[in-house]
Amino acid sequence: HSVGAPLAPGEADSTWPCNSEKYICHF
């Protein structure tokens, strides 16, 4: 699982990181 919101050096984090593109995949 990943929230899909990488952080650049020195970048402030979001209190609830997420991504507009979402996939929940089962193999």
mmCIF file of all heavy atoms, coordinates in Angstrom:
data_MODEL
# 
_entry.id   MODEL 
# 
loop_
_atom_site.group_PDB 
_atom_site.id 
_atom_site.type_symbol 
_atom_site.label_atom_id 
_atom_site.label_alt_id 
_atom_site.label_comp_id 
_atom_site.label_asym_id 
_atom_site.label_entity_id 
_atom_site.label_seq_id 
_atom_site.pdbx_PDB_ins_code 
_atom_site.Cartn_x 
_atom_site.Cartn_y 
_atom_site.Cartn_z 
_atom_site.occupancy 
_atom_site.B_iso_or_equiv 
_atom_site.pdbx_formal_charge 
_atom_site.auth_seq_id 
_atom_site.auth_comp_id 
_atom_site.auth_asym_id 
_atom_site.auth_atom_id 
_atom_site.pdbx_PDB_model_num 
ATOM 1   N N   . HIS A 1 1  ? 0.841  -1.202  0.000   1.00 0.00 ? 1  HIS A N   1 
ATOM 2   C CA  . HIS A 1 1  ? 0.000  0.000   0.000   1.00 0.00 ? 1  HIS A CA  1 
ATOM 3   C C   . HIS A 1 1  ? 0.873  1.249   0.000   1.00 0.00 ? 1  HIS A C   1 
ATOM 4   O O   . HIS A 1 1  ? 1.875  1.327   0.721   1.00 0.00 ? 1  HIS A O   1 
ATOM 5   C CB  . HIS A 1 1  ? -0.893 0.032   1.247   1.00 0.00 ? 1  HIS A CB  1 
ATOM 6   C CG  . HIS A 1 1  ? -1.536 1.370   1.479   1.00 0.00 ? 1  HIS A CG  1 
ATOM 7   N ND1 . HIS A 1 1  ? -1.125 2.237   2.489   1.00 0.00 ? 1  HIS A ND1 1 
ATOM 8   C CD2 . HIS A 1 1  ? -2.523 2.016   0.819   1.00 0.00 ? 1  HIS A CD2 1 
ATOM 9   C CE1 . HIS A 1 1  ? -1.858 3.329   2.454   1.00 0.00 ? 1  HIS A CE1 1 
ATOM 10  N NE2 . HIS A 1 1  ? -2.708 3.240   1.450   1.00 0.00 ? 1  HIS A NE2 1 
ATOM 11  N N   . SER A 1 2  ? 0.468  2.230   -0.802  1.00 0.00 ? 2  SER A N   1 
ATOM 12  C CA  . SER A 1 2  ? 1.099  3.540   -0.766  1.00 0.00 ? 2  SER A CA  1 
ATOM 13  C C   . SER A 1 2  ? 0.040  4.614   -0.953  1.00 0.00 ? 2  SER A C   1 
ATOM 14  O O   . SER A 1 2  ? -0.888 4.447   -1.758  1.00 0.00 ? 2  SER A O   1 
ATOM 15  C CB  . SER A 1 2  ? 2.162  3.684   -1.864  1.00 0.00 ? 2  SER A CB  1 
ATOM 16  O OG  . SER A 1 2  ? 2.654  5.028   -1.905  1.00 0.00 ? 2  SER A OG  1 
ATOM 17  N N   . VAL A 1 3  ? 0.177  5.696   -0.209  1.00 0.00 ? 3  VAL A N   1 
ATOM 18  C CA  . VAL A 1 3  ? -0.744 6.822   -0.393  1.00 0.00 ? 3  VAL A CA  1 
ATOM 19  C C   . VAL A 1 3  ? -0.470 7.542   -1.702  1.00 0.00 ? 3  VAL A C   1 
ATOM 20  O O   . VAL A 1 3  ? -1.262 8.383   -2.145  1.00 0.00 ? 3  VAL A O   1 
ATOM 21  C CB  . VAL A 1 3  ? -0.666 7.814   0.784   1.00 0.00 ? 3  VAL A CB  1 
ATOM 22  C CG1 . VAL A 1 3  ? -1.154 7.166   2.063   1.00 0.00 ? 3  VAL A CG1 1 
ATOM 23  C CG2 . VAL A 1 3  ? 0.752  8.370   0.954   1.00 0.00 ? 3  VAL A CG2 1 
ATOM 24  N N   . GLY A 1 4  ? 0.667  7.248   -2.343  1.00 0.00 ? 4  GLY A N   1 
ATOM 25  C CA  . GLY A 1 4  ? 0.944  7.815   -3.654  1.00 0.00 ? 4  GLY A CA  1 
ATOM 26  C C   . GLY A 1 4  ? 1.297  9.285   -3.630  1.00 0.00 ? 4  GLY A C   1 
ATOM 27  O O   . GLY A 1 4  ? 0.939  10.025  -4.550  1.00 0.00 ? 4  GLY A O   1 
ATOM 28  N N   . ALA A 1 5  ? 2.001  9.714   -2.557  1.00 0.00 ? 5  ALA A N   1 
ATOM 29  C CA  . ALA A 1 5  ? 2.350  11.129  -2.415  1.00 0.00 ? 5  ALA A CA  1 
ATOM 30  C C   . ALA A 1 5  ? 3.805  11.251  -1.977  1.00 0.00 ? 5  ALA A C   1 
ATOM 31  O O   . ALA A 1 5  ? 4.090  11.543  -0.811  1.00 0.00 ? 5  ALA A O   1 
ATOM 32  C CB  . ALA A 1 5  ? 1.421  11.811  -1.421  1.00 0.00 ? 5  ALA A CB  1 
ATOM 33  N N   . PRO A 1 6  ? 4.759  11.012  -2.888  1.00 0.00 ? 6  PRO A N   1 
ATOM 34  C CA  . PRO A 1 6  ? 6.172  11.114  -2.512  1.00 0.00 ? 6  PRO A CA  1 
ATOM 35  C C   . PRO A 1 6  ? 6.528  12.537  -2.107  1.00 0.00 ? 6  PRO A C   1 
ATOM 36  O O   . PRO A 1 6  ? 5.884  13.502  -2.525  1.00 0.00 ? 6  PRO A O   1 
ATOM 37  C CB  . PRO A 1 6  ? 6.902  10.702  -3.796  1.00 0.00 ? 6  PRO A CB  1 
ATOM 38  C CG  . PRO A 1 6  ? 5.922  10.966  -4.899  1.00 0.00 ? 6  PRO A CG  1 
ATOM 39  C CD  . PRO A 1 6  ? 4.581  10.687  -4.315  1.00 0.00 ? 6  PRO A CD  1 
ATOM 40  N N   . LEU A 1 7  ? 7.565  12.656  -1.281  1.00 0.00 ? 7  LEU A N   1 
ATOM 41  C CA  . LEU A 1 7  ? 7.995  13.960  -0.787  1.00 0.00 ? 7  LEU A CA  1 
ATOM 42  C C   . LEU A 1 7  ? 9.360  14.318  -1.378  1.00 0.00 ? 7  LEU A C   1 
ATOM 43  O O   . LEU A 1 7  ? 10.300 13.526  -1.308  1.00 0.00 ? 7  LEU A O   1 
ATOM 44  C CB  . LEU A 1 7  ? 8.090  13.954  0.738   1.00 0.00 ? 7  LEU A CB  1 
ATOM 45  C CG  . LEU A 1 7  ? 6.774  13.827  1.516   1.00 0.00 ? 7  LEU A CG  1 
ATOM 46  C CD1 . LEU A 1 7  ? 7.066  13.668  2.998   1.00 0.00 ? 7  LEU A CD1 1 
ATOM 47  C CD2 . LEU A 1 7  ? 5.885  15.032  1.271   1.00 0.00 ? 7  LEU A CD2 1 
ATOM 48  N N   . ALA A 1 8  ? 9.428  15.507  -1.939  1.00 0.00 ? 8  ALA A N   1 
ATOM 49  C CA  . ALA A 1 8  ? 10.717 16.011  -2.392  1.00 0.00 ? 8  ALA A CA  1 
ATOM 50  C C   . ALA A 1 8  ? 11.513 16.486  -1.181  1.00 0.00 ? 8  ALA A C   1 
ATOM 51  O O   . ALA A 1 8  ? 10.941 16.789  -0.127  1.00 0.00 ? 8  ALA A O   1 
ATOM 52  C CB  . ALA A 1 8  ? 10.508 17.157  -3.386  1.00 0.00 ? 8  ALA A CB  1 
ATOM 53  N N   . PRO A 1 9  ? 12.841 16.569  -1.308  1.00 0.00 ? 9  PRO A N   1 
ATOM 54  C CA  . PRO A 1 9  ? 13.654 17.025  -0.161  1.00 0.00 ? 9  PRO A CA  1 
ATOM 55  C C   . PRO A 1 9  ? 13.176 18.387  0.351   1.00 0.00 ? 9  PRO A C   1 
ATOM 56  O O   . PRO A 1 9  ? 13.013 19.331  -0.417  1.00 0.00 ? 9  PRO A O   1 
ATOM 57  C CB  . PRO A 1 9  ? 15.065 17.116  -0.753  1.00 0.00 ? 9  PRO A CB  1 
ATOM 58  C CG  . PRO A 1 9  ? 15.067 16.118  -1.867  1.00 0.00 ? 9  PRO A CG  1 
ATOM 59  C CD  . PRO A 1 9  ? 13.678 16.173  -2.447  1.00 0.00 ? 9  PRO A CD  1 
ATOM 60  N N   . GLY A 1 10 ? 12.894 18.454  1.658   1.00 0.00 ? 10 GLY A N   1 
ATOM 61  C CA  . GLY A 1 10 ? 12.454 19.692  2.269   1.00 0.00 ? 10 GLY A CA  1 
ATOM 62  C C   . GLY A 1 10 ? 10.978 20.007  2.096   1.00 0.00 ? 10 GLY A C   1 
ATOM 63  O O   . GLY A 1 10 ? 10.488 21.006  2.641   1.00 0.00 ? 10 GLY A O   1 
ATOM 64  N N   . GLU A 1 11 ? 10.242 19.149  1.361   1.00 0.00 ? 11 GLU A N   1 
ATOM 65  C CA  . GLU A 1 11 ? 8.817  19.413  1.126   1.00 0.00 ? 11 GLU A CA  1 
ATOM 66  C C   . GLU A 1 11 ? 8.010  19.065  2.366   1.00 0.00 ? 11 GLU A C   1 
ATOM 67  O O   . GLU A 1 11 ? 8.218  18.026  2.996   1.00 0.00 ? 11 GLU A O   1 
ATOM 68  C CB  . GLU A 1 11 ? 8.315  18.593  -0.067  1.00 0.00 ? 11 GLU A CB  1 
ATOM 69  C CG  . GLU A 1 11 ? 6.851  18.828  -0.405  1.00 0.00 ? 11 GLU A CG  1 
ATOM 70  C CD  . GLU A 1 11 ? 6.391  17.950  -1.566  1.00 0.00 ? 11 GLU A CD  1 
ATOM 71  O OE1 . GLU A 1 11 ? 7.186  17.130  -2.061  1.00 0.00 ? 11 GLU A OE1 1 
ATOM 72  O OE2 . GLU A 1 11 ? 5.209  18.084  -1.964  1.00 0.00 ? 11 GLU A OE2 1 
ATOM 73  N N   . ALA A 1 12 ? 7.032  19.918  2.728   1.00 0.00 ? 12 ALA A N   1 
ATOM 74  C CA  . ALA A 1 12 ? 6.158  19.661  3.871   1.00 0.00 ? 12 ALA A CA  1 
ATOM 75  C C   . ALA A 1 12 ? 5.139  18.592  3.523   1.00 0.00 ? 12 ALA A C   1 
ATOM 76  O O   . ALA A 1 12 ? 4.631  18.532  2.391   1.00 0.00 ? 12 ALA A O   1 
ATOM 77  C CB  . ALA A 1 12 ? 5.459  20.951  4.289   1.00 0.00 ? 12 ALA A CB  1 
ATOM 78  N N   . ASP A 1 13 ? 4.826  17.741  4.492   1.00 0.00 ? 13 ASP A N   1 
ATOM 79  C CA  . ASP A 1 13 ? 3.867  16.667  4.277   1.00 0.00 ? 13 ASP A CA  1 
ATOM 80  C C   . ASP A 1 13 ? 2.441  17.169  4.463   1.00 0.00 ? 13 ASP A C   1 
ATOM 81  O O   . ASP A 1 13 ? 2.181  18.097  5.218   1.00 0.00 ? 13 ASP A O   1 
ATOM 82  C CB  . ASP A 1 13 ? 4.146  15.523  5.254   1.00 0.00 ? 13 ASP A CB  1 
ATOM 83  C CG  . ASP A 1 13 ? 3.474  14.218  4.833   1.00 0.00 ? 13 ASP A CG  1 
ATOM 84  O OD1 . ASP A 1 13 ? 2.856  14.191  3.759   1.00 0.00 ? 13 ASP A OD1 1 
ATOM 85  O OD2 . ASP A 1 13 ? 3.594  13.241  5.584   1.00 0.00 ? 13 ASP A OD2 1 
ATOM 86  N N   . SER A 1 14 ? 1.507  16.541  3.761   1.00 0.00 ? 14 SER A N   1 
ATOM 87  C CA  . SER A 1 14 ? 0.088  16.810  3.968   1.00 0.00 ? 14 SER A CA  1 
ATOM 88  C C   . SER A 1 14 ? -0.373 16.063  5.212   1.00 0.00 ? 14 SER A C   1 
ATOM 89  O O   . SER A 1 14 ? 0.157  15.005  5.543   1.00 0.00 ? 14 SER A O   1 
ATOM 90  C CB  . SER A 1 14 ? -0.713 16.344  2.751   1.00 0.00 ? 14 SER A CB  1 
ATOM 91  O OG  . SER A 1 14 ? -2.084 16.271  3.048   1.00 0.00 ? 14 SER A OG  1 
ATOM 92  N N   . THR A 1 15 ? -1.364 16.609  5.915   1.00 0.00 ? 15 THR A N   1 
ATOM 93  C CA  . THR A 1 15 ? -1.879 15.902  7.086   1.00 0.00 ? 15 THR A CA  1 
ATOM 94  C C   . THR A 1 15 ? -2.615 14.634  6.682   1.00 0.00 ? 15 THR A C   1 
ATOM 95  O O   . THR A 1 15 ? -2.742 13.713  7.472   1.00 0.00 ? 15 THR A O   1 
ATOM 96  C CB  . THR A 1 15 ? -2.821 16.812  7.889   1.00 0.00 ? 15 THR A CB  1 
ATOM 97  O OG1 . THR A 1 15 ? -3.850 17.301  7.025   1.00 0.00 ? 15 THR A OG1 1 
ATOM 98  C CG2 . THR A 1 15 ? -2.053 17.972  8.488   1.00 0.00 ? 15 THR A CG2 1 
ATOM 99  N N   . TRP A 1 16 ? -3.158 14.591  5.445   1.00 0.00 ? 16 TRP A N   1 
ATOM 100 C CA  . TRP A 1 16 ? -3.775 13.360  4.941   1.00 0.00 ? 16 TRP A CA  1 
ATOM 101 C C   . TRP A 1 16 ? -3.338 13.175  3.496   1.00 0.00 ? 16 TRP A C   1 
ATOM 102 O O   . TRP A 1 16 ? -4.028 13.566  2.557   1.00 0.00 ? 16 TRP A O   1 
ATOM 103 C CB  . TRP A 1 16 ? -5.302 13.406  5.034   1.00 0.00 ? 16 TRP A CB  1 
ATOM 104 C CG  . TRP A 1 16 ? -5.930 12.088  4.648   1.00 0.00 ? 16 TRP A CG  1 
ATOM 105 C CD1 . TRP A 1 16 ? -6.189 11.637  3.392   1.00 0.00 ? 16 TRP A CD1 1 
ATOM 106 C CD2 . TRP A 1 16 ? -6.356 11.041  5.521   1.00 0.00 ? 16 TRP A CD2 1 
ATOM 107 N NE1 . TRP A 1 16 ? -6.751 10.381  3.412   1.00 0.00 ? 16 TRP A NE1 1 
ATOM 108 C CE2 . TRP A 1 16 ? -6.871 10.000  4.722   1.00 0.00 ? 16 TRP A CE2 1 
ATOM 109 C CE3 . TRP A 1 16 ? -6.358 10.887  6.907   1.00 0.00 ? 16 TRP A CE3 1 
ATOM 110 C CZ2 . TRP A 1 16 ? -7.390 8.818   5.260   1.00 0.00 ? 16 TRP A CZ2 1 
ATOM 111 C CZ3 . TRP A 1 16 ? -6.866 9.711   7.442   1.00 0.00 ? 16 TRP A CZ3 1 
ATOM 112 C CH2 . TRP A 1 16 ? -7.379 8.694   6.632   1.00 0.00 ? 16 TRP A CH2 1 
ATOM 113 N N   . PRO A 1 17 ? -2.157 12.618  3.283   1.00 0.00 ? 17 PRO A N   1 
ATOM 114 C CA  . PRO A 1 17 ? -1.676 12.463  1.912   1.00 0.00 ? 17 PRO A CA  1 
ATOM 115 C C   . PRO A 1 17 ? -2.487 11.419  1.146   1.00 0.00 ? 17 PRO A C   1 
ATOM 116 O O   . PRO A 1 17 ? -2.866 10.382  1.692   1.00 0.00 ? 17 PRO A O   1 
ATOM 117 C CB  . PRO A 1 17 ? -0.227 12.004  2.100   1.00 0.00 ? 17 PRO A CB  1 
ATOM 118 C CG  . PRO A 1 17 ? -0.213 11.345  3.448   1.00 0.00 ? 17 PRO A CG  1 
ATOM 119 C CD  . PRO A 1 17 ? -1.219 12.086  4.278   1.00 0.00 ? 17 PRO A CD  1 
ATOM 120 N N   . CYS A 1 18 ? -2.760 11.715  -0.106  1.00 0.00 ? 18 CYS A N   1 
ATOM 121 C CA  . CYS A 1 18 ? -3.415 10.755  -0.983  1.00 0.00 ? 18 CYS A CA  1 
ATOM 122 C C   . CYS A 1 18 ? -3.139 11.193  -2.415  1.00 0.00 ? 18 CYS A C   1 
ATOM 123 O O   . CYS A 1 18 ? -2.465 12.189  -2.661  1.00 0.00 ? 18 CYS A O   1 
ATOM 124 C CB  . CYS A 1 18 ? -4.914 10.641  -0.701  1.00 0.00 ? 18 CYS A CB  1 
ATOM 125 S SG  . CYS A 1 18 ? -5.855 12.158  -0.985  1.00 0.00 ? 18 CYS A SG  1 
ATOM 126 N N   . ASN A 1 19 ? -3.678 10.457  -3.363  1.00 0.00 ? 19 ASN A N   1 
ATOM 127 C CA  . ASN A 1 19 ? -3.448 10.737  -4.773  1.00 0.00 ? 19 ASN A CA  1 
ATOM 128 C C   . ASN A 1 19 ? -4.791 10.737  -5.488  1.00 0.00 ? 19 ASN A C   1 
ATOM 129 O O   . ASN A 1 19 ? -5.687 9.969   -5.124  1.00 0.00 ? 19 ASN A O   1 
ATOM 130 C CB  . ASN A 1 19 ? -2.519 9.665   -5.364  1.00 0.00 ? 19 ASN A CB  1 
ATOM 131 C CG  . ASN A 1 19 ? -1.947 10.062  -6.708  1.00 0.00 ? 19 ASN A CG  1 
ATOM 132 O OD1 . ASN A 1 19 ? -2.660 10.199  -7.694  1.00 0.00 ? 19 ASN A OD1 1 
ATOM 133 N ND2 . ASN A 1 19 ? -0.635 10.226  -6.752  1.00 0.00 ? 19 ASN A ND2 1 
ATOM 134 N N   . SER A 1 20 ? -4.925 11.590  -6.482  1.00 0.00 ? 20 SER A N   1 
ATOM 135 C CA  . SER A 1 20 ? -6.196 11.614  -7.227  1.00 0.00 ? 20 SER A CA  1 
ATOM 136 C C   . SER A 1 20 ? -6.416 10.329  -8.010  1.00 0.00 ? 20 SER A C   1 
ATOM 137 O O   . SER A 1 20 ? -7.556 9.951   -8.290  1.00 0.00 ? 20 SER A O   1 
ATOM 138 C CB  . SER A 1 20 ? -6.223 12.817  -8.178  1.00 0.00 ? 20 SER A CB  1 
ATOM 139 O OG  . SER A 1 20 ? -5.146 12.752  -9.095  1.00 0.00 ? 20 SER A OG  1 
ATOM 140 N N   . GLU A 1 21 ? -5.335 9.635   -8.353  1.00 0.00 ? 21 GLU A N   1 
ATOM 141 C CA  . GLU A 1 21 ? -5.438 8.357   -9.063  1.00 0.00 ? 21 GLU A CA  1 
ATOM 142 C C   . GLU A 1 21 ? -5.380 7.237   -8.030  1.00 0.00 ? 21 GLU A C   1 
ATOM 143 O O   . GLU A 1 21 ? -4.457 7.173   -7.216  1.00 0.00 ? 21 GLU A O   1 
ATOM 144 C CB  . GLU A 1 21 ? -4.308 8.216   -10.076 1.00 0.00 ? 21 GLU A CB  1 
ATOM 145 C CG  . GLU A 1 21 ? -4.512 7.083   -11.055 1.00 0.00 ? 21 GLU A CG  1 
ATOM 146 C CD  . GLU A 1 21 ? -3.625 7.193   -12.285 1.00 0.00 ? 21 GLU A CD  1 
ATOM 147 O OE1 . GLU A 1 21 ? -2.758 8.092   -12.317 1.00 0.00 ? 21 GLU A OE1 1 
ATOM 148 O OE2 . GLU A 1 21 ? -3.804 6.384   -13.205 1.00 0.00 ? 21 GLU A OE2 1 
ATOM 149 N N   . LYS A 1 22 ? -6.361 6.353   -8.065  1.00 0.00 ? 22 LYS A N   1 
ATOM 150 C CA  . LYS A 1 22 ? -6.462 5.310   -7.053  1.00 0.00 ? 22 LYS A CA  1 
ATOM 151 C C   . LYS A 1 22 ? -6.675 3.947   -7.708  1.00 0.00 ? 22 LYS A C   1 
ATOM 152 O O   . LYS A 1 22 ? -7.467 3.818   -8.646  1.00 0.00 ? 22 LYS A O   1 
ATOM 153 C CB  . LYS A 1 22 ? -7.602 5.609   -6.071  1.00 0.00 ? 22 LYS A CB  1 
ATOM 154 C CG  . LYS A 1 22 ? -7.379 6.883   -5.237  1.00 0.00 ? 22 LYS A CG  1 
ATOM 155 C CD  . LYS A 1 22 ? -8.573 7.192   -4.353  1.00 0.00 ? 22 LYS A CD  1 
ATOM 156 C CE  . LYS A 1 22 ? -8.286 8.364   -3.417  1.00 0.00 ? 22 LYS A CE  1 
ATOM 157 N NZ  . LYS A 1 22 ? -7.986 9.620   -4.115  1.00 0.00 ? 22 LYS A NZ  1 
ATOM 158 N N   . TYR A 1 23 ? -6.003 2.939   -7.177  1.00 0.00 ? 23 TYR A N   1 
ATOM 159 C CA  . TYR A 1 23 ? -6.173 1.556   -7.618  1.00 0.00 ? 23 TYR A CA  1 
ATOM 160 C C   . TYR A 1 23 ? -6.130 0.642   -6.401  1.00 0.00 ? 23 TYR A C   1 
ATOM 161 O O   . TYR A 1 23 ? -5.227 0.748   -5.557  1.00 0.00 ? 23 TYR A O   1 
ATOM 162 C CB  . TYR A 1 23 ? -5.059 1.132   -8.573  1.00 0.00 ? 23 TYR A CB  1 
ATOM 163 C CG  . TYR A 1 23 ? -5.140 1.723   -9.960  1.00 0.00 ? 23 TYR A CG  1 
ATOM 164 C CD1 . TYR A 1 23 ? -4.460 2.893   -10.278 1.00 0.00 ? 23 TYR A CD1 1 
ATOM 165 C CD2 . TYR A 1 23 ? -5.896 1.108   -10.949 1.00 0.00 ? 23 TYR A CD2 1 
ATOM 166 C CE1 . TYR A 1 23 ? -4.523 3.439   -11.555 1.00 0.00 ? 23 TYR A CE1 1 
ATOM 167 C CE2 . TYR A 1 23 ? -5.979 1.639   -12.228 1.00 0.00 ? 23 TYR A CE2 1 
ATOM 168 C CZ  . TYR A 1 23 ? -5.285 2.807   -12.528 1.00 0.00 ? 23 TYR A CZ  1 
ATOM 169 O OH  . TYR A 1 23 ? -5.364 3.341   -13.783 1.00 0.00 ? 23 TYR A OH  1 
ATOM 170 N N   . ILE A 1 24 ? -7.119 -0.254  -6.309  1.00 0.00 ? 24 ILE A N   1 
ATOM 171 C CA  . ILE A 1 24 ? -7.116 -1.296  -5.269  1.00 0.00 ? 24 ILE A CA  1 
ATOM 172 C C   . ILE A 1 24 ? -7.177 -2.614  -6.029  1.00 0.00 ? 24 ILE A C   1 
ATOM 173 O O   . ILE A 1 24 ? -8.222 -3.004  -6.567  1.00 0.00 ? 24 ILE A O   1 
ATOM 174 C CB  . ILE A 1 24 ? -8.327 -1.174  -4.314  1.00 0.00 ? 24 ILE A CB  1 
ATOM 175 C CG1 . ILE A 1 24 ? -8.608 0.286   -3.961  1.00 0.00 ? 24 ILE A CG1 1 
ATOM 176 C CG2 . ILE A 1 24 ? -8.101 -2.032  -3.078  1.00 0.00 ? 24 ILE A CG2 1 
ATOM 177 C CD1 . ILE A 1 24 ? -7.518 0.993   -3.214  1.00 0.00 ? 24 ILE A CD1 1 
ATOM 178 N N   . CYS A 1 25 ? -6.051 -3.318  -6.095  1.00 0.00 ? 25 CYS A N   1 
ATOM 179 C CA  . CYS A 1 25 ? -5.908 -4.442  -7.035  1.00 0.00 ? 25 CYS A CA  1 
ATOM 180 C C   . CYS A 1 25 ? -5.596 -5.743  -6.312  1.00 0.00 ? 25 CYS A C   1 
ATOM 181 O O   . CYS A 1 25 ? -4.717 -5.788  -5.447  1.00 0.00 ? 25 CYS A O   1 
ATOM 182 C CB  . CYS A 1 25 ? -4.810 -4.134  -8.048  1.00 0.00 ? 25 CYS A CB  1 
ATOM 183 S SG  . CYS A 1 25 ? -5.081 -2.579  -8.938  1.00 0.00 ? 25 CYS A SG  1 
ATOM 184 N N   . HIS A 1 26 ? -6.295 -6.781  -6.724  1.00 0.00 ? 26 HIS A N   1 
ATOM 185 C CA  . HIS A 1 26 ? -6.153 -8.105  -6.115  1.00 0.00 ? 26 HIS A CA  1 
ATOM 186 C C   . HIS A 1 26 ? -5.715 -9.106  -7.176  1.00 0.00 ? 26 HIS A C   1 
ATOM 187 O O   . HIS A 1 26 ? -6.324 -9.184  -8.247  1.00 0.00 ? 26 HIS A O   1 
ATOM 188 C CB  . HIS A 1 26 ? -7.485 -8.552  -5.504  1.00 0.00 ? 26 HIS A CB  1 
ATOM 189 C CG  . HIS A 1 26 ? -8.075 -7.537  -4.570  1.00 0.00 ? 26 HIS A CG  1 
ATOM 190 N ND1 . HIS A 1 26 ? -8.691 -6.378  -5.031  1.00 0.00 ? 26 HIS A ND1 1 
ATOM 191 C CD2 . HIS A 1 26 ? -8.156 -7.492  -3.218  1.00 0.00 ? 26 HIS A CD2 1 
ATOM 192 C CE1 . HIS A 1 26 ? -9.110 -5.676  -3.995  1.00 0.00 ? 26 HIS A CE1 1 
ATOM 193 N NE2 . HIS A 1 26 ? -8.791 -6.321  -2.892  1.00 0.00 ? 26 HIS A NE2 1 
ATOM 194 N N   . PHE A 1 27 ? -4.685 -9.867  -6.855  1.00 0.00 ? 27 PHE A N   1 
ATOM 195 C CA  . PHE A 1 27 ? -4.150 -10.868 -7.765  1.00 0.00 ? 27 PHE A CA  1 
ATOM 196 C C   . PHE A 1 27 ? -4.365 -12.245 -7.130  1.00 0.00 ? 27 PHE A C   1 
ATOM 197 O O   . PHE A 1 27 ? -3.539 -12.715 -6.338  1.00 0.00 ? 27 PHE A O   1 
ATOM 198 C CB  . PHE A 1 27 ? -2.663 -10.603 -8.030  1.00 0.00 ? 27 PHE A CB  1 
ATOM 199 C CG  . PHE A 1 27 ? -2.402 -9.275  -8.700  1.00 0.00 ? 27 PHE A CG  1 
ATOM 200 C CD1 . PHE A 1 27 ? -2.318 -8.100  -7.952  1.00 0.00 ? 27 PHE A CD1 1 
ATOM 201 C CD2 . PHE A 1 27 ? -2.258 -9.192  -10.078 1.00 0.00 ? 27 PHE A CD2 1 
ATOM 202 C CE1 . PHE A 1 27 ? -2.090 -6.878  -8.562  1.00 0.00 ? 27 PHE A CE1 1 
ATOM 203 C CE2 . PHE A 1 27 ? -2.032 -7.967  -10.699 1.00 0.00 ? 27 PHE A CE2 1 
ATOM 204 C CZ  . PHE A 1 27 ? -1.944 -6.814  -9.946  1.00 0.00 ? 27 PHE A CZ  1 
# 
